[in-house]
N, C-alpha and C. Protein backbone atom coordinates (compact mmCIF):
# COMPACT_ATOMS: atom_id res chain seq x y z
N MET A 1 -21.73 -10.24 25.76
CA MET A 1 -21.83 -9.31 24.64
C MET A 1 -20.43 -8.82 24.28
N ARG A 2 -20.14 -8.79 22.99
CA ARG A 2 -18.84 -8.33 22.54
C ARG A 2 -18.94 -6.90 22.05
N GLN A 3 -17.88 -6.17 22.27
CA GLN A 3 -17.80 -4.79 21.79
C GLN A 3 -16.60 -4.65 20.88
N ILE A 4 -16.72 -3.80 19.88
CA ILE A 4 -15.60 -3.53 18.99
C ILE A 4 -15.16 -2.11 19.25
N LYS A 5 -13.88 -1.92 19.48
CA LYS A 5 -13.32 -0.59 19.73
C LYS A 5 -12.11 -0.40 18.85
N GLN A 6 -11.74 0.86 18.67
CA GLN A 6 -10.57 1.18 17.86
C GLN A 6 -9.70 2.16 18.63
N ASP A 7 -8.37 1.94 18.57
CA ASP A 7 -7.47 2.92 19.17
C ASP A 7 -7.00 3.89 18.09
N ASP A 8 -6.09 4.78 18.42
CA ASP A 8 -5.62 5.80 17.49
C ASP A 8 -4.71 5.26 16.39
N LEU A 9 -4.34 4.00 16.45
CA LEU A 9 -3.41 3.44 15.48
C LEU A 9 -4.11 2.57 14.44
N SER A 10 -5.43 2.71 14.28
CA SER A 10 -6.22 1.85 13.40
C SER A 10 -6.05 0.39 13.80
N HIS A 11 -6.01 0.15 15.07
CA HIS A 11 -5.88 -1.19 15.65
C HIS A 11 -7.24 -1.50 16.26
N TRP A 12 -7.92 -2.48 15.71
CA TRP A 12 -9.26 -2.82 16.17
C TRP A 12 -9.20 -3.90 17.24
N PHE A 13 -10.03 -3.76 18.26
CA PHE A 13 -10.09 -4.73 19.34
C PHE A 13 -11.51 -5.26 19.43
N ILE A 14 -11.65 -6.53 19.68
CA ILE A 14 -12.95 -7.09 20.01
C ILE A 14 -12.85 -7.53 21.47
N LEU A 15 -13.76 -7.00 22.26
CA LEU A 15 -13.70 -7.21 23.71
C LEU A 15 -14.88 -8.04 24.19
N ASP A 16 -14.66 -8.82 25.24
CA ASP A 16 -15.77 -9.55 25.82
C ASP A 16 -16.44 -8.69 26.90
N LYS A 17 -17.39 -9.28 27.64
CA LYS A 17 -18.13 -8.53 28.66
C LYS A 17 -17.22 -7.90 29.70
N ARG A 18 -16.12 -8.54 29.99
CA ARG A 18 -15.20 -8.04 31.00
C ARG A 18 -14.12 -7.16 30.39
N TYR A 19 -14.30 -6.80 29.13
CA TYR A 19 -13.36 -5.94 28.40
C TYR A 19 -11.97 -6.55 28.27
N ARG A 20 -11.94 -7.86 28.10
CA ARG A 20 -10.69 -8.53 27.77
C ARG A 20 -10.57 -8.58 26.25
N VAL A 21 -9.37 -8.41 25.76
CA VAL A 21 -9.16 -8.45 24.32
C VAL A 21 -9.26 -9.90 23.86
N LEU A 22 -10.21 -10.17 22.96
CA LEU A 22 -10.38 -11.51 22.42
C LEU A 22 -9.71 -11.65 21.05
N TYR A 23 -9.63 -10.56 20.33
CA TYR A 23 -9.23 -10.64 18.93
C TYR A 23 -8.77 -9.26 18.51
N THR A 24 -7.69 -9.16 17.80
CA THR A 24 -7.25 -7.87 17.29
C THR A 24 -6.91 -7.99 15.82
N THR A 25 -6.99 -6.89 15.13
CA THR A 25 -6.59 -6.86 13.73
C THR A 25 -5.98 -5.50 13.43
N PHE A 26 -5.06 -5.45 12.48
CA PHE A 26 -4.37 -4.22 12.12
C PHE A 26 -4.72 -3.80 10.71
N MET A 27 -4.68 -2.51 10.49
CA MET A 27 -4.72 -1.96 9.14
C MET A 27 -3.67 -0.87 9.12
N ARG A 28 -2.69 -1.00 8.22
CA ARG A 28 -1.66 0.03 8.17
C ARG A 28 -1.11 0.14 6.76
N ILE A 29 -0.58 1.28 6.46
CA ILE A 29 0.13 1.51 5.20
C ILE A 29 1.60 1.30 5.51
N THR A 30 2.26 0.45 4.74
CA THR A 30 3.67 0.18 5.00
C THR A 30 4.53 1.32 4.45
N THR A 31 5.77 1.34 4.90
CA THR A 31 6.73 2.32 4.39
C THR A 31 6.92 2.13 2.89
N GLN A 32 6.96 0.88 2.45
CA GLN A 32 7.10 0.60 1.01
C GLN A 32 5.99 1.25 0.21
N GLY A 33 4.76 1.05 0.64
CA GLY A 33 3.61 1.61 -0.07
C GLY A 33 3.63 3.13 -0.07
N ASP A 34 3.91 3.71 1.08
CA ASP A 34 3.96 5.16 1.21
C ASP A 34 5.06 5.75 0.33
N TYR A 35 6.26 5.21 0.42
CA TYR A 35 7.39 5.73 -0.37
C TYR A 35 7.15 5.54 -1.86
N ALA A 36 6.61 4.39 -2.25
CA ALA A 36 6.34 4.14 -3.68
C ALA A 36 5.34 5.16 -4.22
N LEU A 37 4.30 5.44 -3.47
CA LEU A 37 3.32 6.45 -3.91
C LEU A 37 3.96 7.82 -4.01
N ARG A 38 4.81 8.16 -3.06
CA ARG A 38 5.48 9.46 -3.11
C ARG A 38 6.40 9.56 -4.32
N CYS A 39 7.09 8.47 -4.65
CA CYS A 39 7.95 8.45 -5.86
C CYS A 39 7.10 8.64 -7.11
N ILE A 40 6.00 7.91 -7.20
CA ILE A 40 5.13 8.01 -8.37
C ILE A 40 4.56 9.41 -8.50
N LEU A 41 4.18 10.01 -7.39
CA LEU A 41 3.65 11.38 -7.43
C LEU A 41 4.73 12.36 -7.89
N SER A 42 5.95 12.16 -7.46
CA SER A 42 7.05 13.02 -7.89
C SER A 42 7.26 12.90 -9.40
N ILE A 43 7.23 11.69 -9.91
CA ILE A 43 7.38 11.47 -11.35
C ILE A 43 6.17 12.02 -12.11
N ALA A 44 4.98 11.82 -11.55
CA ALA A 44 3.74 12.27 -12.22
C ALA A 44 3.67 13.80 -12.31
N ARG A 45 4.17 14.50 -11.29
CA ARG A 45 4.16 15.97 -11.33
C ARG A 45 4.95 16.50 -12.53
N ASN A 46 5.89 15.72 -13.00
CA ASN A 46 6.74 16.11 -14.13
C ASN A 46 6.41 15.29 -15.38
N TYR A 47 5.21 14.75 -15.45
CA TYR A 47 4.82 13.82 -16.51
C TYR A 47 5.10 14.37 -17.92
N LYS A 48 4.82 15.62 -18.14
CA LYS A 48 4.98 16.21 -19.48
C LYS A 48 6.35 16.83 -19.70
N ASN A 49 7.21 16.82 -18.69
CA ASN A 49 8.52 17.48 -18.79
C ASN A 49 9.68 16.54 -19.04
N GLY A 50 9.44 15.26 -19.19
CA GLY A 50 10.52 14.31 -19.43
C GLY A 50 10.93 13.54 -18.20
N PRO A 51 12.01 12.76 -18.31
CA PRO A 51 12.44 11.89 -17.21
C PRO A 51 12.80 12.66 -15.94
N VAL A 52 12.52 12.02 -14.81
CA VAL A 52 12.84 12.59 -13.50
C VAL A 52 13.99 11.78 -12.91
N ALA A 53 15.09 12.45 -12.59
CA ALA A 53 16.26 11.79 -12.01
C ALA A 53 15.95 11.32 -10.60
N ILE A 54 16.56 10.21 -10.22
CA ILE A 54 16.36 9.68 -8.87
C ILE A 54 16.81 10.69 -7.83
N SER A 55 17.84 11.46 -8.13
CA SER A 55 18.32 12.47 -7.17
C SER A 55 17.25 13.52 -6.90
N ARG A 56 16.47 13.83 -7.91
CA ARG A 56 15.39 14.81 -7.72
C ARG A 56 14.26 14.23 -6.87
N ILE A 57 13.92 12.98 -7.12
CA ILE A 57 12.88 12.32 -6.32
C ILE A 57 13.30 12.28 -4.86
N VAL A 58 14.54 11.87 -4.62
CA VAL A 58 15.08 11.77 -3.26
C VAL A 58 15.07 13.14 -2.58
N GLU A 59 15.49 14.16 -3.32
CA GLU A 59 15.54 15.52 -2.76
C GLU A 59 14.14 16.07 -2.51
N ASP A 60 13.25 15.94 -3.49
CA ASP A 60 11.89 16.47 -3.35
C ASP A 60 11.12 15.81 -2.21
N GLU A 61 11.30 14.51 -2.07
CA GLU A 61 10.51 13.75 -1.10
C GLU A 61 11.24 13.48 0.21
N GLY A 62 12.54 13.75 0.26
CA GLY A 62 13.30 13.50 1.48
C GLY A 62 13.39 12.03 1.85
N LEU A 63 13.61 11.19 0.84
CA LEU A 63 13.63 9.75 1.04
C LEU A 63 15.05 9.19 0.90
N PRO A 64 15.34 8.04 1.51
CA PRO A 64 16.67 7.43 1.41
C PRO A 64 16.91 6.83 0.02
N VAL A 65 18.02 7.20 -0.61
CA VAL A 65 18.29 6.83 -2.00
C VAL A 65 18.36 5.31 -2.21
N ASP A 66 19.00 4.57 -1.32
CA ASP A 66 19.13 3.12 -1.50
C ASP A 66 17.77 2.44 -1.52
N TYR A 67 16.91 2.84 -0.62
CA TYR A 67 15.57 2.26 -0.52
C TYR A 67 14.75 2.62 -1.76
N ILE A 68 14.88 3.85 -2.22
CA ILE A 68 14.12 4.32 -3.38
C ILE A 68 14.55 3.58 -4.64
N GLU A 69 15.84 3.31 -4.77
CA GLU A 69 16.32 2.54 -5.93
C GLU A 69 15.64 1.18 -5.99
N GLN A 70 15.50 0.53 -4.85
CA GLN A 70 14.83 -0.78 -4.80
C GLN A 70 13.36 -0.67 -5.19
N LEU A 71 12.69 0.36 -4.68
CA LEU A 71 11.27 0.54 -5.00
C LEU A 71 11.07 0.86 -6.47
N LEU A 72 11.92 1.72 -7.01
CA LEU A 72 11.81 2.07 -8.43
C LEU A 72 12.04 0.84 -9.31
N MET A 73 12.92 -0.05 -8.89
CA MET A 73 13.16 -1.28 -9.63
C MET A 73 11.90 -2.15 -9.64
N LYS A 74 11.24 -2.25 -8.49
CA LYS A 74 9.99 -3.02 -8.41
C LYS A 74 8.91 -2.40 -9.30
N LEU A 75 8.80 -1.08 -9.26
CA LEU A 75 7.80 -0.38 -10.08
C LEU A 75 8.10 -0.56 -11.56
N ARG A 76 9.37 -0.59 -11.91
CA ARG A 76 9.76 -0.79 -13.31
C ARG A 76 9.43 -2.22 -13.75
N ARG A 77 9.72 -3.19 -12.91
CA ARG A 77 9.42 -4.59 -13.23
C ARG A 77 7.92 -4.82 -13.44
N LYS A 78 7.10 -4.07 -12.71
CA LYS A 78 5.64 -4.21 -12.82
C LYS A 78 5.06 -3.27 -13.89
N ASN A 79 5.94 -2.64 -14.66
CA ASN A 79 5.54 -1.82 -15.80
C ASN A 79 4.77 -0.55 -15.43
N ILE A 80 4.96 -0.06 -14.22
CA ILE A 80 4.34 1.20 -13.80
C ILE A 80 5.17 2.37 -14.33
N ILE A 81 6.49 2.20 -14.30
CA ILE A 81 7.41 3.23 -14.78
C ILE A 81 8.41 2.61 -15.75
N LYS A 82 9.13 3.46 -16.44
CA LYS A 82 10.26 3.00 -17.26
C LYS A 82 11.44 3.90 -16.97
N SER A 83 12.63 3.38 -17.20
CA SER A 83 13.83 4.17 -16.94
C SER A 83 14.50 4.53 -18.26
N ILE A 84 15.07 5.72 -18.28
CA ILE A 84 15.81 6.23 -19.43
C ILE A 84 17.24 6.43 -18.97
N ARG A 85 18.18 5.84 -19.68
CA ARG A 85 19.60 5.96 -19.32
C ARG A 85 20.18 7.25 -19.87
N GLY A 86 21.32 7.64 -19.31
CA GLY A 86 22.06 8.77 -19.84
C GLY A 86 22.03 9.98 -18.93
N ALA A 87 22.74 11.02 -19.37
CA ALA A 87 22.87 12.25 -18.58
C ALA A 87 21.52 12.92 -18.33
N ARG A 88 20.63 12.83 -19.28
CA ARG A 88 19.29 13.43 -19.11
C ARG A 88 18.24 12.37 -18.82
N GLY A 89 18.72 11.24 -18.32
CA GLY A 89 17.83 10.12 -18.04
C GLY A 89 17.10 10.27 -16.72
N GLY A 90 16.36 9.25 -16.41
CA GLY A 90 15.58 9.24 -15.19
C GLY A 90 14.40 8.29 -15.35
N TYR A 91 13.31 8.62 -14.70
CA TYR A 91 12.13 7.76 -14.70
C TYR A 91 10.93 8.48 -15.28
N LEU A 92 10.14 7.72 -16.04
CA LEU A 92 8.89 8.20 -16.64
C LEU A 92 7.77 7.23 -16.28
N LEU A 93 6.55 7.73 -16.23
CA LEU A 93 5.40 6.84 -16.07
C LEU A 93 5.18 6.12 -17.40
N ASN A 94 4.78 4.86 -17.34
CA ASN A 94 4.47 4.11 -18.55
C ASN A 94 3.10 4.46 -19.11
N LYS A 95 2.24 5.01 -18.27
CA LYS A 95 0.89 5.40 -18.67
C LYS A 95 0.61 6.78 -18.09
N PRO A 96 -0.39 7.46 -18.62
CA PRO A 96 -0.77 8.75 -18.02
C PRO A 96 -1.20 8.57 -16.56
N PRO A 97 -1.01 9.59 -15.72
CA PRO A 97 -1.40 9.50 -14.31
C PRO A 97 -2.87 9.13 -14.11
N LEU A 98 -3.70 9.44 -15.08
CA LEU A 98 -5.13 9.11 -15.00
C LEU A 98 -5.37 7.60 -15.11
N ASP A 99 -4.41 6.88 -15.68
CA ASP A 99 -4.57 5.44 -15.89
C ASP A 99 -3.82 4.59 -14.88
N ILE A 100 -3.22 5.21 -13.87
CA ILE A 100 -2.51 4.47 -12.82
C ILE A 100 -3.25 4.70 -11.51
N THR A 101 -3.61 3.61 -10.84
CA THR A 101 -4.33 3.74 -9.57
C THR A 101 -3.39 3.55 -8.38
N ILE A 102 -3.87 3.98 -7.23
CA ILE A 102 -3.12 3.77 -5.99
C ILE A 102 -2.92 2.26 -5.77
N LYS A 103 -3.96 1.50 -6.08
CA LYS A 103 -3.87 0.04 -5.93
C LYS A 103 -2.76 -0.53 -6.81
N ASP A 104 -2.64 -0.05 -8.05
CA ASP A 104 -1.58 -0.52 -8.95
C ASP A 104 -0.20 -0.34 -8.31
N VAL A 105 0.02 0.83 -7.73
CA VAL A 105 1.32 1.15 -7.15
C VAL A 105 1.60 0.30 -5.91
N ILE A 106 0.63 0.21 -5.02
CA ILE A 106 0.82 -0.57 -3.80
C ILE A 106 1.04 -2.05 -4.12
N GLU A 107 0.24 -2.59 -5.04
CA GLU A 107 0.41 -4.00 -5.40
C GLU A 107 1.76 -4.25 -6.08
N ALA A 108 2.26 -3.27 -6.82
CA ALA A 108 3.56 -3.43 -7.49
C ALA A 108 4.70 -3.62 -6.49
N VAL A 109 4.62 -2.96 -5.35
CA VAL A 109 5.71 -3.07 -4.38
C VAL A 109 5.43 -4.03 -3.23
N GLU A 110 4.16 -4.28 -2.94
CA GLU A 110 3.82 -5.12 -1.80
C GLU A 110 3.20 -6.45 -2.17
N GLY A 111 2.70 -6.56 -3.39
CA GLY A 111 2.06 -7.80 -3.82
C GLY A 111 0.57 -7.84 -3.55
N GLU A 112 0.12 -7.12 -2.55
CA GLU A 112 -1.28 -7.10 -2.19
C GLU A 112 -1.58 -5.73 -1.57
N ALA A 113 -2.70 -5.14 -1.96
CA ALA A 113 -3.01 -3.79 -1.48
C ALA A 113 -3.42 -3.78 -0.01
N PHE A 114 -4.10 -4.81 0.43
CA PHE A 114 -4.60 -4.85 1.80
C PHE A 114 -4.51 -6.28 2.31
N LYS A 115 -3.89 -6.46 3.44
CA LYS A 115 -3.76 -7.79 4.02
C LYS A 115 -4.57 -7.86 5.30
N ILE A 116 -5.20 -8.99 5.50
CA ILE A 116 -5.92 -9.22 6.75
C ILE A 116 -4.90 -9.80 7.72
N ILE A 117 -4.61 -9.04 8.76
CA ILE A 117 -3.62 -9.47 9.75
C ILE A 117 -4.30 -9.48 11.11
N CYS A 118 -4.43 -10.64 11.69
CA CYS A 118 -5.08 -10.71 13.00
C CYS A 118 -4.34 -11.67 13.91
N ASP A 119 -4.60 -11.57 15.18
CA ASP A 119 -3.93 -12.41 16.18
C ASP A 119 -4.27 -13.89 16.02
N ARG A 120 -5.47 -14.19 15.56
CA ARG A 120 -5.87 -15.60 15.48
C ARG A 120 -5.02 -16.37 14.49
N TYR A 121 -4.77 -15.79 13.33
CA TYR A 121 -3.97 -16.57 12.37
C TYR A 121 -2.52 -16.64 12.81
N LYS A 122 -2.05 -15.62 13.53
CA LYS A 122 -0.68 -15.69 14.06
C LYS A 122 -0.56 -16.86 15.05
N LYS A 123 -1.59 -17.00 15.88
CA LYS A 123 -1.61 -18.07 16.88
C LYS A 123 -1.54 -19.44 16.21
N HIS A 124 -2.15 -19.56 15.03
CA HIS A 124 -2.16 -20.83 14.30
C HIS A 124 -1.00 -20.93 13.30
N LYS A 125 -0.09 -19.94 13.36
CA LYS A 125 1.11 -19.90 12.51
C LYS A 125 0.77 -19.95 11.02
N LEU A 126 -0.27 -19.23 10.64
CA LEU A 126 -0.64 -19.12 9.23
C LEU A 126 -0.14 -17.80 8.69
N LYS A 127 0.16 -17.77 7.40
CA LYS A 127 0.66 -16.53 6.80
C LYS A 127 -0.49 -15.54 6.59
N TYR A 128 -1.64 -16.04 6.18
CA TYR A 128 -2.79 -15.17 5.93
C TYR A 128 -4.03 -15.77 6.57
N CYS A 129 -5.01 -14.92 6.78
CA CYS A 129 -6.28 -15.35 7.37
C CYS A 129 -6.97 -16.34 6.43
N ASP A 130 -7.40 -17.46 6.98
CA ASP A 130 -8.19 -18.40 6.17
C ASP A 130 -9.45 -18.83 6.93
N GLY A 131 -9.85 -18.04 7.89
CA GLY A 131 -11.05 -18.35 8.65
C GLY A 131 -10.83 -19.48 9.63
N VAL A 132 -9.67 -19.54 10.25
CA VAL A 132 -9.35 -20.61 11.19
C VAL A 132 -10.40 -20.72 12.28
N ASP A 133 -10.60 -21.95 12.73
CA ASP A 133 -11.56 -22.23 13.81
C ASP A 133 -12.95 -21.67 13.52
N GLY A 134 -13.35 -21.64 12.26
CA GLY A 134 -14.67 -21.12 11.92
C GLY A 134 -14.87 -19.69 12.34
N CYS A 135 -13.89 -18.87 12.14
CA CYS A 135 -13.93 -17.46 12.55
C CYS A 135 -15.18 -16.76 12.03
N LEU A 136 -15.97 -16.23 12.92
CA LEU A 136 -17.20 -15.54 12.54
C LEU A 136 -16.94 -14.16 11.97
N LEU A 137 -15.73 -13.65 12.15
CA LEU A 137 -15.42 -12.30 11.69
C LEU A 137 -14.78 -12.26 10.31
N LYS A 138 -14.47 -13.42 9.76
CA LYS A 138 -13.79 -13.44 8.46
C LYS A 138 -14.58 -12.63 7.42
N GLY A 139 -15.88 -12.78 7.40
CA GLY A 139 -16.71 -12.05 6.44
C GLY A 139 -16.58 -10.54 6.59
N VAL A 140 -16.45 -10.08 7.82
CA VAL A 140 -16.28 -8.64 8.07
C VAL A 140 -14.96 -8.17 7.48
N TRP A 141 -13.88 -8.90 7.77
CA TRP A 141 -12.56 -8.48 7.30
C TRP A 141 -12.43 -8.61 5.78
N VAL A 142 -12.99 -9.67 5.22
CA VAL A 142 -12.94 -9.84 3.76
C VAL A 142 -13.76 -8.74 3.09
N GLY A 143 -14.92 -8.41 3.66
CA GLY A 143 -15.73 -7.31 3.12
C GLY A 143 -15.00 -5.98 3.19
N LEU A 144 -14.33 -5.73 4.31
CA LEU A 144 -13.55 -4.50 4.46
C LEU A 144 -12.41 -4.47 3.45
N LYS A 145 -11.75 -5.60 3.26
CA LYS A 145 -10.66 -5.70 2.28
C LYS A 145 -11.17 -5.33 0.89
N LYS A 146 -12.32 -5.87 0.51
CA LYS A 146 -12.89 -5.58 -0.82
C LYS A 146 -13.24 -4.10 -0.96
N GLU A 147 -13.79 -3.51 0.08
CA GLU A 147 -14.13 -2.08 0.05
C GLU A 147 -12.88 -1.22 -0.11
N ILE A 148 -11.85 -1.52 0.66
CA ILE A 148 -10.61 -0.74 0.60
C ILE A 148 -9.95 -0.90 -0.76
N GLU A 149 -9.86 -2.14 -1.24
CA GLU A 149 -9.24 -2.37 -2.55
C GLU A 149 -10.05 -1.70 -3.66
N GLY A 150 -11.37 -1.72 -3.55
CA GLY A 150 -12.22 -1.04 -4.53
C GLY A 150 -11.97 0.46 -4.54
N TYR A 151 -11.84 1.04 -3.35
CA TYR A 151 -11.56 2.47 -3.24
C TYR A 151 -10.20 2.80 -3.85
N LEU A 152 -9.17 2.02 -3.50
CA LEU A 152 -7.83 2.26 -4.02
C LEU A 152 -7.76 2.06 -5.53
N ASP A 153 -8.61 1.20 -6.05
CA ASP A 153 -8.64 0.94 -7.49
C ASP A 153 -9.33 2.08 -8.26
N LYS A 154 -10.13 2.87 -7.57
CA LYS A 154 -10.81 4.01 -8.21
C LYS A 154 -10.00 5.29 -8.11
N LYS A 155 -9.12 5.37 -7.12
CA LYS A 155 -8.31 6.58 -6.91
C LYS A 155 -7.09 6.54 -7.82
N THR A 156 -7.03 7.47 -8.75
CA THR A 156 -5.89 7.51 -9.67
C THR A 156 -4.81 8.46 -9.16
N ILE A 157 -3.64 8.31 -9.73
CA ILE A 157 -2.53 9.20 -9.39
C ILE A 157 -2.90 10.63 -9.78
N ALA A 158 -3.58 10.79 -10.91
CA ALA A 158 -4.00 12.13 -11.35
C ALA A 158 -4.90 12.80 -10.32
N SER A 159 -5.72 12.02 -9.63
CA SER A 159 -6.63 12.61 -8.63
C SER A 159 -5.89 13.14 -7.41
N LEU A 160 -4.64 12.74 -7.24
CA LEU A 160 -3.84 13.19 -6.10
C LEU A 160 -2.99 14.42 -6.41
N LEU A 161 -2.88 14.74 -7.69
CA LEU A 161 -2.03 15.87 -8.08
C LEU A 161 -2.74 17.20 -7.91
């Protein structure tokens, strides 16, 4: 009989009868995703007041400026934000906060909102899970991925303000 357990790090374990780890999978929010959301929230809080300077975002959120410049560039390329040049320049949202979802922001910087990462595909040197060896758990992880992405797609930036 197999048991599924979770530790405090959102690290899931599947154990056999002798409590040996047979399979593990991770779910985590990356620094990129977290910082990008914090930048967007900083810009969204000032949505009606004009452009937000990068120095203000860095100061308000306590984030490293070099890293934030890279994230803002990714967000701009994906049309989430736009930049205004000049002394009173900065960053603006391209759409109202009600029309931007958490999923939009995470996908803009990471490419995918939720990745299935497990030991089995690492063992087979695959980049992503493809149900190697007829994995019986693929349906569970794919279902979880759809649920999480659906939730993130419903949560707007406005709902976080």
